[in-house]
Amino acid sequence: MENRCLPSSFFGDLRSRELNGFRVRKRPYLGDLSSEPGGFGTGVLSVEHSGATTPPTAVSFCKTSRNSHILAVSDEDGYVSFYDTRRSLPSYASCRERTAESRVCEWVAHSNAIFDICWIKDDSQILTASGDQYVKIWNAEKRKCIGILAGHTGSVKTVCPHSSNPDIIVSGSRDGSFALWDLRCNSSSTNRFGEACLLSTAVVKEAHASAPRKRRRQGKAASMSITSVLYLKDEISIATSGAVDSVVKFWDTRNLKSSITQASPHVEPFVRKETIRHGITCLSQDSHGASLVASCMDSRIYLYEVLQLDKGPVKVFSGSKIESFFVKSAISPDGAHILGGSSDGNAYIWQVKRPESAPGILKGHDGEVTAVDWCSSEVGKLATCSDDFMVRVWNMKKGGCISARSPTAIRKRITAVVTECRKQLLDDPPACSISMDDTFQALTGASADPSSPVGSKVLEFSTPKSGKRSYKSFLREEKEMQRSPEAALSSPSSVLNPPSSIKRRTIRDYFVSSS
């Protein structure tokens, strides 16, 4: 087992340009996806220890910009490995010999498979959820366990931190429960290795247990496993999914007696009594919490708007073979793309605003794609892992312009702009000559036939005049909202962007008022 210390550059200085006091990131590009041949930022990594290969189970890029090149990989043998994706990564032909060159460190974190990993506290710590029924908290630099979350009676399948307070954690287990943890609490005991053990602050059992049904002549009982948990951006609500059906449940952490609402692709009641139920394998949300994505065992990925859950999924994505299903999926940080890893050995990528278009297919794996992740600071960079013992790092080659910020993020950024900068924004609005859609068509191979709704090529231009009109109208809207705080409070957007008021609106408040 490799046991070298992390280099001092692991937590290096943040490298960014400054413009008018604001941190500016390089604009990424979207074009052809490639993990071959090996090179800087792309390549193939072989997951092995002491010469023996093992299937990877989870991948996760660091979340801060300065460390986002570090990729954490967990596997079935209980190892956690860190890789530096800035280095020249090997190609498929040389990955067995050259993977060690990109590996920063590795260690045995659990005695069983690790199903989920999660960075917290500016990448200084990492959480690992394992089949040994524990969640462990690790000092990432020293690779030292600083705490154990104990209490689940089944494999821990998923873990997620609070959206703004990394000391609060939610985990989901195969035992059918999800639990809340506060890392600031004193440990209840220590194990034989001297590691502190913490107990949960709240537990919800049988969160996705199936309703009582008539006994069938054949067949086994449905699994009640929790497959995914998410802390929503309102800092109060939690979303959970299970293996029993395609229902996403939403919970208010202040009152966990029952879920406050739920979402399902089947808005209307089932007509047939024996309808097959498809479980959900994964949940993810964009960086602003407006959209939630659920990958389902029915070979589809459903996108929900958090403030319109009662309407069911607003968009549906499909692309893999009918006999396959999506193991894991993730929406990009800017909310513009969805990445799905399938049991057919491929990964698929869609444009969120064009769900009907054919997805881009990422080929190269020889087994089920078990996990996917986006790099938070480089929109075009992503990672996939598979049962073929390989991790592939993909990069979008230069081909077109894609904004690293969604319209929601742009709106927030403009709100924070000081008065002296407003004139500059009006006089010199940003412009892009080539739209993201054009380069995505090159990835999917869409036809250029003008009569085709998905193959027509339309260039989008932004003129200073139109930019000035849109920004001025935005300023007028903001002024009206400031004059009428009651209107801002009653707006559904106050759930994700709460006004500065004593009364705090949450997801629960919105659904209670609407009913």
Protein backbone atom coordinates (compact mmCIF):
# COMPACT_ATOMS: atom_id res chain seq x y z
CA MET A 1 0.00 0.00 0.00
CA GLU A 2 1.30 3.42 -0.95
CA ASN A 3 1.88 5.60 2.09
CA ARG A 4 3.51 8.81 1.01
CA CYS A 5 2.60 12.25 2.30
CA LEU A 6 0.66 14.73 0.25
CA PRO A 7 2.82 17.35 -1.50
CA SER A 8 2.65 20.91 -0.30
CA SER A 9 1.02 21.88 -3.61
CA PHE A 10 -2.06 19.76 -2.79
CA PHE A 11 -3.71 22.71 -1.09
CA GLY A 12 -2.04 25.30 -3.33
CA ASP A 13 -2.84 28.97 -3.68
CA LEU A 14 -5.93 29.96 -5.56
CA ARG A 15 -4.93 31.10 -9.04
CA SER A 16 -7.42 33.44 -10.56
CA ARG A 17 -7.63 36.80 -12.26
CA GLU A 18 -9.25 39.81 -10.63
CA LEU A 19 -11.44 42.29 -12.50
CA ASN A 20 -13.03 45.22 -10.69
CA GLY A 21 -12.74 43.32 -7.42
CA PHE A 22 -14.46 40.18 -8.73
CA ARG A 23 -12.86 36.79 -9.22
CA VAL A 24 -12.99 35.77 -12.87
CA ARG A 25 -12.66 32.21 -14.14
CA LYS A 26 -11.52 31.23 -17.60
CA ARG A 27 -14.42 30.50 -19.88
CA PRO A 28 -14.57 26.74 -20.56
CA TYR A 29 -15.43 25.20 -23.90
CA LEU A 30 -17.80 22.54 -25.12
CA GLY A 31 -16.95 20.41 -28.12
CA ASP A 32 -15.88 16.84 -28.76
CA LEU A 33 -15.45 14.78 -25.62
CA SER A 34 -12.35 12.68 -25.32
CA SER A 35 -10.46 10.64 -22.75
CA GLU A 36 -8.05 9.30 -25.37
CA PRO A 37 -5.21 9.63 -26.04
CA GLY A 38 -3.72 10.38 -22.65
CA GLY A 39 -2.58 13.93 -22.01
CA PHE A 40 -2.98 16.84 -19.65
CA GLY A 41 -6.46 16.77 -18.14
CA THR A 42 -7.67 13.62 -19.94
CA GLY A 43 -6.85 9.96 -19.76
CA VAL A 44 -7.53 6.59 -18.18
CA LEU A 45 -6.67 5.50 -14.64
CA SER A 46 -6.45 1.87 -13.56
CA VAL A 47 -7.75 1.23 -10.04
CA GLU A 48 -5.43 -1.32 -8.47
CA HIS A 49 -3.51 -1.96 -5.28
CA SER A 50 -0.34 -4.04 -5.08
CA GLY A 51 -0.93 -5.21 -8.64
CA ALA A 52 -4.53 -6.41 -8.04
CA THR A 53 -7.35 -4.53 -9.79
CA THR A 54 -10.59 -3.65 -8.02
CA PRO A 55 -13.83 -2.02 -9.26
CA PRO A 56 -14.16 1.69 -8.40
CA THR A 57 -17.43 2.70 -6.74
CA ALA A 58 -17.41 6.50 -6.48
CA VAL A 59 -15.56 9.52 -7.88
CA SER A 60 -15.52 13.11 -6.62
CA PHE A 61 -13.56 16.19 -7.65
CA CYS A 62 -12.53 18.65 -4.95
CA LYS A 63 -15.08 21.45 -4.66
CA THR A 64 -12.84 24.53 -4.32
CA SER A 65 -11.23 26.10 -7.37
CA ARG A 66 -7.68 25.77 -6.09
CA ASN A 67 -8.03 22.01 -5.52
CA SER A 68 -10.53 21.06 -8.21
CA HIS A 69 -7.87 19.14 -10.15
CA ILE A 70 -7.73 16.55 -7.35
CA LEU A 71 -10.01 13.55 -7.99
CA ALA A 72 -10.95 11.20 -5.15
CA VAL A 73 -11.79 7.59 -6.05
CA SER A 74 -13.18 4.90 -3.74
CA ASP A 75 -13.45 1.20 -4.51
CA GLU A 76 -14.83 -2.15 -3.40
CA ASP A 77 -11.74 -2.99 -1.34
CA GLY A 78 -12.29 0.00 0.96
CA TYR A 79 -9.49 2.18 -0.44
CA VAL A 80 -9.58 5.92 -1.08
CA SER A 81 -7.16 7.22 -3.70
CA PHE A 82 -6.36 10.78 -4.77
CA TYR A 83 -5.27 11.58 -8.34
CA ASP A 84 -3.88 14.80 -9.76
CA THR A 85 -5.66 15.37 -13.08
CA ARG A 86 -3.38 18.29 -13.99
CA ARG A 87 -0.63 15.80 -14.71
CA SER A 88 -0.24 13.97 -18.00
CA LEU A 89 -2.68 11.10 -17.56
CA PRO A 90 -2.00 7.77 -19.26
CA SER A 91 -3.91 6.36 -22.21
CA TYR A 92 -5.79 3.06 -22.08
CA ALA A 93 -2.79 1.16 -23.46
CA SER A 94 -0.44 2.41 -20.74
CA CYS A 95 -2.79 2.94 -17.79
CA ARG A 96 -1.68 -0.18 -15.90
CA GLU A 97 1.95 0.95 -15.98
CA ARG A 98 1.55 4.73 -15.62
CA THR A 99 -1.41 5.30 -13.27
CA ALA A 100 0.94 5.54 -10.29
CA GLU A 101 2.46 8.68 -11.81
CA SER A 102 -0.84 10.53 -11.33
CA ARG A 103 -1.70 9.03 -7.96
CA VAL A 104 -1.09 11.43 -5.08
CA CYS A 105 -1.81 8.95 -2.28
CA GLU A 106 -4.02 6.06 -1.21
CA TRP A 107 -5.03 4.37 2.01
CA VAL A 108 -7.41 1.77 3.43
CA ALA A 109 -10.38 3.70 4.81
CA HIS A 110 -12.83 0.85 5.51
CA SER A 111 -12.89 -2.90 5.78
CA ASN A 112 -15.72 -3.05 3.25
CA ALA A 113 -16.73 -1.39 -0.01
CA ILE A 114 -17.10 2.40 -0.01
CA PHE A 115 -20.33 3.44 -1.74
CA ASP A 116 -20.09 7.23 -1.52
CA ILE A 117 -17.50 9.93 -0.87
CA CYS A 118 -17.99 13.63 -0.25
CA TRP A 119 -15.62 16.59 0.27
CA ILE A 120 -16.40 19.07 3.05
CA LYS A 121 -14.82 22.10 4.75
CA ASP A 122 -12.99 23.54 1.75
CA ASP A 123 -11.65 20.10 0.81
CA SER A 124 -9.77 19.73 4.09
CA GLN A 125 -11.95 16.75 5.04
CA ILE A 126 -13.64 13.93 3.15
CA LEU A 127 -16.57 11.71 4.15
CA THR A 128 -16.70 8.01 3.26
CA ALA A 129 -19.88 5.89 3.44
CA SER A 130 -19.27 2.15 3.55
CA GLY A 131 -20.78 -1.28 3.61
CA ASP A 132 -19.37 -1.71 7.14
CA GLN A 133 -22.35 0.43 8.29
CA TYR A 134 -20.21 3.46 9.18
CA VAL A 135 -19.54 6.92 7.83
CA LYS A 136 -16.00 8.11 8.53
CA ILE A 137 -14.62 11.63 8.57
CA TRP A 138 -11.05 11.94 7.32
CA ASN A 139 -8.43 14.64 7.47
CA ALA A 140 -7.64 14.67 3.75
CA GLU A 141 -4.07 15.92 4.05
CA LYS A 142 -2.99 13.57 6.85
CA ARG A 143 -5.32 10.70 5.87
CA LYS A 144 -6.33 10.37 9.51
CA CYS A 145 -9.79 9.37 10.72
CA ILE A 146 -11.10 12.11 13.01
CA GLY A 147 -14.58 10.72 13.60
CA ILE A 148 -17.00 7.86 12.95
CA LEU A 149 -20.76 8.21 12.49
CA ALA A 150 -22.22 5.03 13.97
CA GLY A 151 -25.82 3.90 14.22
CA HIS A 152 -26.97 2.48 10.90
CA THR A 153 -27.75 -1.24 10.84
CA GLY A 154 -27.13 -1.68 7.11
CA SER A 155 -24.68 -0.56 4.47
CA VAL A 156 -24.47 3.21 4.21
CA LYS A 157 -25.23 4.01 0.57
CA THR A 158 -25.18 7.80 0.47
CA VAL A 159 -24.00 10.86 2.39
CA CYS A 160 -24.46 14.60 1.87
CA PRO A 161 -23.43 17.72 3.84
CA HIS A 162 -25.59 20.71 4.70
CA SER A 163 -25.59 23.32 1.94
CA SER A 164 -23.93 25.99 4.12
CA ASN A 165 -22.88 24.27 7.37
CA PRO A 166 -20.49 21.34 6.72
CA ASP A 167 -20.78 20.22 10.35
CA ILE A 168 -24.31 18.95 9.63
CA ILE A 169 -24.51 15.70 7.67
CA VAL A 170 -27.31 13.48 6.37
CA SER A 171 -26.76 9.83 5.46
CA GLY A 172 -28.94 7.10 3.98
CA SER A 173 -28.68 3.37 4.53
CA ARG A 174 -29.80 0.06 3.15
CA ASP A 175 -31.66 -0.46 6.44
CA GLY A 176 -34.30 1.98 5.11
CA SER A 177 -33.42 4.91 7.35
CA PHE A 178 -31.74 8.25 6.93
CA ALA A 179 -29.99 9.98 9.80
CA LEU A 180 -28.86 13.49 10.70
CA TRP A 181 -25.49 14.12 12.33
CA ASP A 182 -23.84 17.14 13.95
CA LEU A 183 -20.06 16.93 13.92
CA ARG A 184 -19.86 19.57 16.65
CA CYS A 185 -21.39 17.18 19.20
CA ASN A 186 -19.14 15.45 21.68
CA SER A 187 -18.26 11.86 20.87
CA SER A 188 -20.18 9.21 22.78
CA SER A 189 -17.33 6.70 22.82
CA THR A 190 -14.12 5.63 21.11
CA ASN A 191 -13.32 2.39 19.31
CA ARG A 192 -10.30 0.19 19.81
CA PHE A 193 -8.29 2.37 17.42
CA GLY A 194 -9.00 5.50 19.48
CA GLU A 195 -11.34 6.96 16.87
CA ALA A 196 -14.22 9.09 18.19
CA CYS A 197 -17.72 7.71 17.55
CA LEU A 198 -20.68 10.07 17.20
CA LEU A 199 -24.36 9.23 17.48
CA SER A 200 -27.01 10.70 15.22
CA THR A 201 -29.16 13.64 16.31
CA ALA A 202 -32.25 12.32 14.47
CA VAL A 203 -33.24 9.18 12.58
CA VAL A 204 -36.17 8.49 10.25
CA LYS A 205 -36.79 4.77 9.84
CA GLU A 206 -38.60 3.12 6.92
CA ALA A 207 -38.56 6.43 5.07
CA HIS A 208 -39.37 4.72 1.75
CA ALA A 209 -41.05 1.54 2.91
CA SER A 210 -43.63 0.30 0.42
CA ALA A 211 -47.30 0.47 1.33
CA PRO A 212 -48.94 -2.78 2.49
CA ARG A 213 -50.06 -4.83 -0.49
CA LYS A 214 -51.68 -8.18 -1.01
CA ARG A 215 -49.26 -11.08 -0.84
CA ARG A 216 -48.20 -12.37 -4.20
CA ARG A 217 -47.80 -16.04 -4.98
CA GLN A 218 -44.23 -15.50 -6.09
CA GLY A 219 -41.64 -12.81 -5.64
CA LYS A 220 -39.67 -11.35 -2.79
CA ALA A 221 -40.36 -8.29 -0.70
CA ALA A 222 -39.31 -4.97 -2.20
CA SER A 223 -36.13 -3.38 -0.90
CA MET A 224 -36.60 -0.43 1.44
CA SER A 225 -33.03 0.84 0.93
CA ILE A 226 -32.34 4.57 0.83
CA THR A 227 -30.38 5.18 -2.36
CA SER A 228 -29.71 8.93 -2.20
CA VAL A 229 -30.05 11.92 0.13
CA LEU A 230 -29.69 15.64 -0.60
CA TYR A 231 -29.67 18.74 1.58
CA LEU A 232 -31.57 21.40 -0.39
CA LYS A 233 -30.37 24.98 -0.70
CA ASP A 234 -33.04 26.40 1.59
CA GLU A 235 -30.93 24.84 4.40
CA ILE A 236 -34.00 23.27 5.99
CA SER A 237 -35.25 20.61 3.59
CA ILE A 238 -33.91 17.17 2.68
CA ALA A 239 -34.72 15.12 -0.41
CA THR A 240 -34.53 11.32 -0.26
CA SER A 241 -35.04 8.48 -2.71
CA GLY A 242 -35.37 4.73 -2.35
CA ALA A 243 -35.03 1.48 -4.23
CA VAL A 244 -38.70 0.58 -3.84
CA ASP A 245 -40.28 3.12 -6.23
CA SER A 246 -39.68 6.29 -8.25
CA VAL A 247 -40.91 8.68 -5.53
CA VAL A 248 -38.70 11.49 -4.25
CA LYS A 249 -39.70 12.58 -0.75
CA PHE A 250 -39.01 15.95 0.83
CA TRP A 251 -38.58 16.43 4.57
CA ASP A 252 -38.47 19.42 6.90
CA THR A 253 -35.62 18.85 9.37
CA ARG A 254 -37.54 20.75 12.06
CA ASN A 255 -40.32 18.16 11.99
CA LEU A 256 -39.38 14.74 10.65
CA LYS A 257 -42.57 12.89 11.62
CA SER A 258 -43.61 12.73 7.98
CA SER A 259 -42.52 14.06 4.61
CA ILE A 260 -43.95 17.46 3.63
CA THR A 261 -44.39 16.57 -0.04
CA GLN A 262 -43.18 14.17 -2.69
CA ALA A 263 -42.54 14.07 -6.42
CA SER A 264 -42.97 11.25 -8.90
CA PRO A 265 -42.91 10.82 -12.68
CA HIS A 266 -46.40 9.32 -12.38
CA VAL A 267 -48.61 12.26 -11.48
CA GLU A 268 -51.83 10.33 -12.05
CA PRO A 269 -52.67 7.20 -10.04
CA PHE A 270 -51.72 3.86 -11.49
CA VAL A 271 -54.44 2.29 -13.62
CA ARG A 272 -53.18 -1.24 -13.28
CA LYS A 273 -52.72 -2.75 -9.86
CA GLU A 274 -49.67 -4.75 -10.87
CA THR A 275 -47.71 -1.87 -12.38
CA ILE A 276 -43.97 -2.46 -12.13
CA ARG A 277 -42.29 -0.06 -9.74
CA HIS A 278 -38.88 1.33 -10.64
CA GLY A 279 -36.55 2.56 -7.94
CA ILE A 280 -34.33 5.64 -8.05
CA THR A 281 -30.58 5.14 -8.09
CA CYS A 282 -29.33 8.69 -7.58
CA LEU A 283 -30.33 12.30 -6.86
CA SER A 284 -28.39 15.44 -7.72
CA GLN A 285 -29.01 19.19 -7.81
CA ASP A 286 -27.38 22.15 -9.51
CA SER A 287 -25.27 24.60 -7.55
CA HIS A 288 -28.26 26.94 -7.06
CA GLY A 289 -30.78 24.35 -5.91
CA ALA A 290 -33.41 25.26 -8.51
CA SER A 291 -33.34 21.91 -10.33
CA LEU A 292 -33.27 18.37 -8.98
CA VAL A 293 -32.38 15.35 -11.12
CA ALA A 294 -33.38 11.75 -10.38
CA SER A 295 -31.99 8.77 -12.32
CA CYS A 296 -34.48 5.93 -12.38
CA MET A 297 -34.37 2.19 -13.03
CA ASP A 298 -36.80 2.64 -15.93
CA SER A 299 -33.94 3.87 -18.19
CA ARG A 300 -34.89 7.52 -17.74
CA ILE A 301 -33.60 10.56 -15.91
CA TYR A 302 -36.20 12.99 -14.58
CA LEU A 303 -35.64 16.71 -13.95
CA TYR A 304 -37.84 18.46 -11.38
CA GLU A 305 -38.17 22.15 -10.63
CA VAL A 306 -37.97 22.40 -6.84
CA LEU A 307 -40.76 24.98 -6.67
CA GLN A 308 -43.07 23.00 -8.98
CA LEU A 309 -42.85 19.50 -7.60
CA ASP A 310 -46.60 18.97 -7.79
CA LYS A 311 -46.41 19.14 -11.59
CA GLY A 312 -44.11 16.14 -11.81
CA PRO A 313 -40.93 16.14 -13.89
CA VAL A 314 -40.63 19.09 -16.25
CA LYS A 315 -38.16 17.23 -18.49
CA VAL A 316 -37.34 13.58 -19.17
CA PHE A 317 -34.06 12.29 -20.59
CA SER A 318 -33.46 8.87 -22.10
CA GLY A 319 -30.83 7.38 -24.31
CA SER A 320 -29.61 4.02 -23.08
CA LYS A 321 -30.98 0.69 -24.22
CA ILE A 322 -34.38 -0.28 -22.90
CA GLU A 323 -33.02 -3.26 -20.97
CA SER A 324 -30.42 -1.09 -19.22
CA PHE A 325 -30.78 1.60 -16.58
CA PHE A 326 -28.91 4.63 -15.28
CA VAL A 327 -26.71 3.77 -12.31
CA LYS A 328 -25.69 7.32 -11.42
CA SER A 329 -26.31 10.77 -12.85
CA ALA A 330 -25.24 14.33 -12.10
CA ILE A 331 -26.39 17.73 -13.27
CA SER A 332 -23.57 20.14 -14.10
CA PRO A 333 -22.87 22.95 -11.61
CA ASP A 334 -24.28 25.53 -14.04
CA GLY A 335 -27.44 23.46 -14.55
CA ALA A 336 -26.94 23.31 -18.33
CA HIS A 337 -26.07 19.62 -18.82
CA ILE A 338 -26.89 16.23 -17.35
CA LEU A 339 -24.39 13.38 -17.24
CA GLY A 340 -25.64 9.82 -16.78
CA GLY A 341 -23.71 6.59 -16.32
CA SER A 342 -25.55 3.55 -17.68
CA SER A 343 -25.49 -0.18 -17.11
CA ASP A 344 -24.90 -0.60 -20.86
CA GLY A 345 -21.28 0.54 -20.42
CA ASN A 346 -21.74 4.05 -21.81
CA ALA A 347 -22.12 7.49 -20.30
CA TYR A 348 -24.56 9.97 -21.81
CA ILE A 349 -24.63 13.75 -21.76
CA TRP A 350 -27.65 15.96 -22.56
CA GLN A 351 -28.41 19.62 -22.85
CA VAL A 352 -31.01 20.44 -20.21
CA LYS A 353 -32.89 22.82 -22.50
CA ARG A 354 -33.05 20.20 -25.30
CA PRO A 355 -34.17 16.93 -23.70
CA GLU A 356 -35.63 15.70 -26.98
CA SER A 357 -32.25 15.90 -28.73
CA ALA A 358 -30.01 12.86 -29.00
CA PRO A 359 -27.46 12.77 -26.18
CA GLY A 360 -23.73 12.66 -26.65
CA ILE A 361 -22.40 9.17 -25.98
CA LEU A 362 -19.14 8.69 -24.08
CA LYS A 363 -17.80 5.31 -25.11
CA GLY A 364 -14.74 3.52 -23.80
CA HIS A 365 -15.79 1.58 -20.71
CA ASP A 366 -16.19 -2.19 -20.90
CA GLY A 367 -18.50 -2.50 -17.91
CA GLU A 368 -21.35 -0.82 -16.06
CA VAL A 369 -20.63 2.89 -15.44
CA THR A 370 -21.04 3.06 -11.67
CA ALA A 371 -20.35 6.73 -10.89
CA VAL A 372 -19.95 10.13 -12.57
CA ASP A 373 -18.92 13.60 -11.44
CA TRP A 374 -18.40 17.10 -12.85
CA CYS A 375 -15.40 19.27 -12.06
CA SER A 376 -16.78 22.34 -10.27
CA SER A 377 -14.37 24.91 -11.73
CA GLU A 378 -13.99 23.47 -15.24
CA VAL A 379 -17.42 22.89 -16.75
CA GLY A 380 -16.01 20.80 -19.57
CA LYS A 381 -14.16 18.39 -17.29
CA LEU A 382 -15.81 15.26 -15.92
CA ALA A 383 -14.99 11.79 -14.63
CA THR A 384 -16.62 8.37 -14.98
CA CYS A 385 -15.78 5.02 -13.40
CA SER A 386 -16.82 1.51 -14.29
CA ASP A 387 -16.76 -2.14 -13.30
CA ASP A 388 -13.95 -2.54 -15.86
CA PHE A 389 -11.58 -1.31 -13.07
CA MET A 390 -11.04 1.98 -14.91
CA VAL A 391 -11.62 5.66 -14.18
CA ARG A 392 -11.80 7.90 -17.25
CA VAL A 393 -11.25 11.64 -17.10
CA TRP A 394 -12.89 13.46 -20.03
CA ASN A 395 -12.43 16.97 -21.30
CA MET A 396 -14.39 19.02 -23.78
CA LYS A 397 -12.07 20.21 -26.51
CA LYS A 398 -12.21 23.80 -27.73
CA GLY A 399 -15.19 24.16 -29.99
CA GLY A 400 -17.54 26.84 -28.77
CA CYS A 401 -18.44 29.22 -26.01
CA ILE A 402 -20.25 28.06 -22.90
CA SER A 403 -20.97 30.18 -19.87
CA ALA A 404 -19.70 28.87 -16.56
CA ARG A 405 -22.64 30.51 -14.84
CA SER A 406 -26.31 29.85 -15.24
CA PRO A 407 -28.85 32.72 -15.60
CA THR A 408 -29.59 32.39 -11.87
CA ALA A 409 -25.91 32.84 -11.03
CA ILE A 410 -25.62 35.81 -13.38
CA ARG A 411 -28.64 37.40 -11.71
CA LYS A 412 -27.06 36.96 -8.27
CA ARG A 413 -23.77 38.35 -9.48
CA ILE A 414 -25.37 41.44 -10.99
CA THR A 415 -27.28 42.05 -7.77
CA ALA A 416 -23.98 42.22 -5.91
CA VAL A 417 -22.27 44.60 -8.36
CA VAL A 418 -21.35 47.94 -6.81
CA THR A 419 -22.72 51.17 -8.28
CA GLU A 420 -19.44 52.17 -9.94
CA CYS A 421 -19.45 48.97 -12.03
CA ARG A 422 -22.98 49.35 -13.40
CA LYS A 423 -22.03 51.88 -16.06
CA GLN A 424 -19.31 49.57 -17.33
CA LEU A 425 -21.76 46.69 -17.62
CA LEU A 426 -24.17 48.88 -19.57
CA ASP A 427 -21.54 50.22 -21.93
CA ASP A 428 -19.67 46.92 -22.49
CA PRO A 429 -22.00 43.95 -22.07
CA PRO A 430 -20.49 40.49 -22.64
CA ALA A 431 -21.07 38.97 -26.07
CA CYS A 432 -20.51 35.54 -27.58
CA SER A 433 -20.51 34.91 -31.30
CA ILE A 434 -21.09 31.14 -31.21
CA SER A 435 -23.76 29.50 -29.10
CA MET A 436 -23.23 26.46 -26.92
CA ASP A 437 -25.92 24.61 -28.92
CA ASP A 438 -23.85 24.64 -32.11
CA THR A 439 -20.90 22.89 -30.55
CA PHE A 440 -23.12 20.39 -28.79
CA GLN A 441 -24.57 19.41 -32.18
CA ALA A 442 -21.04 18.53 -33.27
CA LEU A 443 -20.80 16.24 -30.23
CA THR A 444 -24.10 14.49 -30.91
CA GLY A 445 -23.69 14.41 -34.69
CA ALA A 446 -27.03 16.14 -35.25
CA SER A 447 -28.03 16.86 -38.83
CA ALA A 448 -27.72 20.39 -40.19
CA ASP A 449 -31.05 20.13 -41.99
CA PRO A 450 -32.94 23.41 -41.39
CA SER A 451 -36.25 21.54 -41.22
CA SER A 452 -35.04 19.42 -38.33
CA PRO A 453 -35.93 20.85 -34.90
CA VAL A 454 -32.74 19.46 -33.38
CA GLY A 455 -30.40 19.71 -36.35
CA SER A 456 -30.84 23.34 -37.39
CA LYS A 457 -27.80 25.48 -36.78
CA VAL A 458 -28.60 28.93 -35.46
CA LEU A 459 -25.97 31.39 -34.36
CA GLU A 460 -26.90 33.51 -31.36
CA PHE A 461 -25.60 37.06 -31.08
CA SER A 462 -25.74 39.51 -28.22
CA THR A 463 -25.63 43.21 -29.09
CA PRO A 464 -24.79 46.09 -26.75
CA LYS A 465 -28.25 47.53 -27.39
CA SER A 466 -30.14 44.41 -26.38
CA GLY A 467 -27.86 43.94 -23.39
CA LYS A 468 -28.56 47.44 -22.22
CA ARG A 469 -32.32 46.98 -22.48
CA SER A 470 -32.31 43.69 -20.55
CA TYR A 471 -30.15 45.04 -17.75
CA LYS A 472 -32.17 48.22 -17.38
CA SER A 473 -35.37 46.19 -17.16
CA PHE A 474 -33.73 44.07 -14.50
CA LEU A 475 -32.86 47.17 -12.46
CA ARG A 476 -36.47 48.34 -12.67
CA GLU A 477 -37.68 44.96 -11.43
CA GLU A 478 -35.24 45.02 -8.53
CA LYS A 479 -36.39 48.54 -7.58
CA GLU A 480 -40.02 47.46 -7.56
CA MET A 481 -39.18 44.47 -5.36
CA GLN A 482 -37.38 46.76 -2.91
CA ARG A 483 -40.45 49.01 -2.71
CA SER A 484 -42.69 46.04 -2.00
CA PRO A 485 -41.07 43.61 0.49
CA GLU A 486 -44.41 41.77 0.80
CA ALA A 487 -44.23 40.85 -2.87
CA ALA A 488 -40.71 39.55 -2.46
CA LEU A 489 -41.76 37.48 0.54
CA SER A 490 -44.68 35.89 -1.26
CA SER A 491 -42.65 35.06 -4.34
CA PRO A 492 -41.78 31.36 -4.75
CA SER A 493 -38.17 32.39 -5.43
CA SER A 494 -37.93 33.46 -1.79
CA VAL A 495 -37.61 29.79 -0.91
CA LEU A 496 -34.21 29.50 -2.56
CA ASN A 497 -33.25 33.18 -2.18
CA PRO A 498 -34.90 34.24 1.11
CA PRO A 499 -35.42 37.99 1.70
CA SER A 500 -33.76 39.75 4.59
CA SER A 501 -36.68 39.38 6.97
CA ILE A 502 -37.33 37.77 10.31
CA LYS A 503 -39.89 35.48 8.74
CA ARG A 504 -37.98 32.81 6.80
CA ARG A 505 -39.76 30.99 3.98
CA THR A 506 -38.80 27.39 3.32
CA ILE A 507 -39.91 24.63 1.00
CA ARG A 508 -42.46 23.58 3.63
CA ASP A 509 -43.99 27.06 3.86
CA TYR A 510 -44.42 27.22 0.11
CA PHE A 511 -46.28 23.93 -0.18
CA VAL A 512 -48.49 24.63 2.84
CA SER A 513 -49.57 28.00 1.41
CA SER A 514 -50.18 26.58 -2.06
CA SER A 515 -52.41 23.85 -0.69
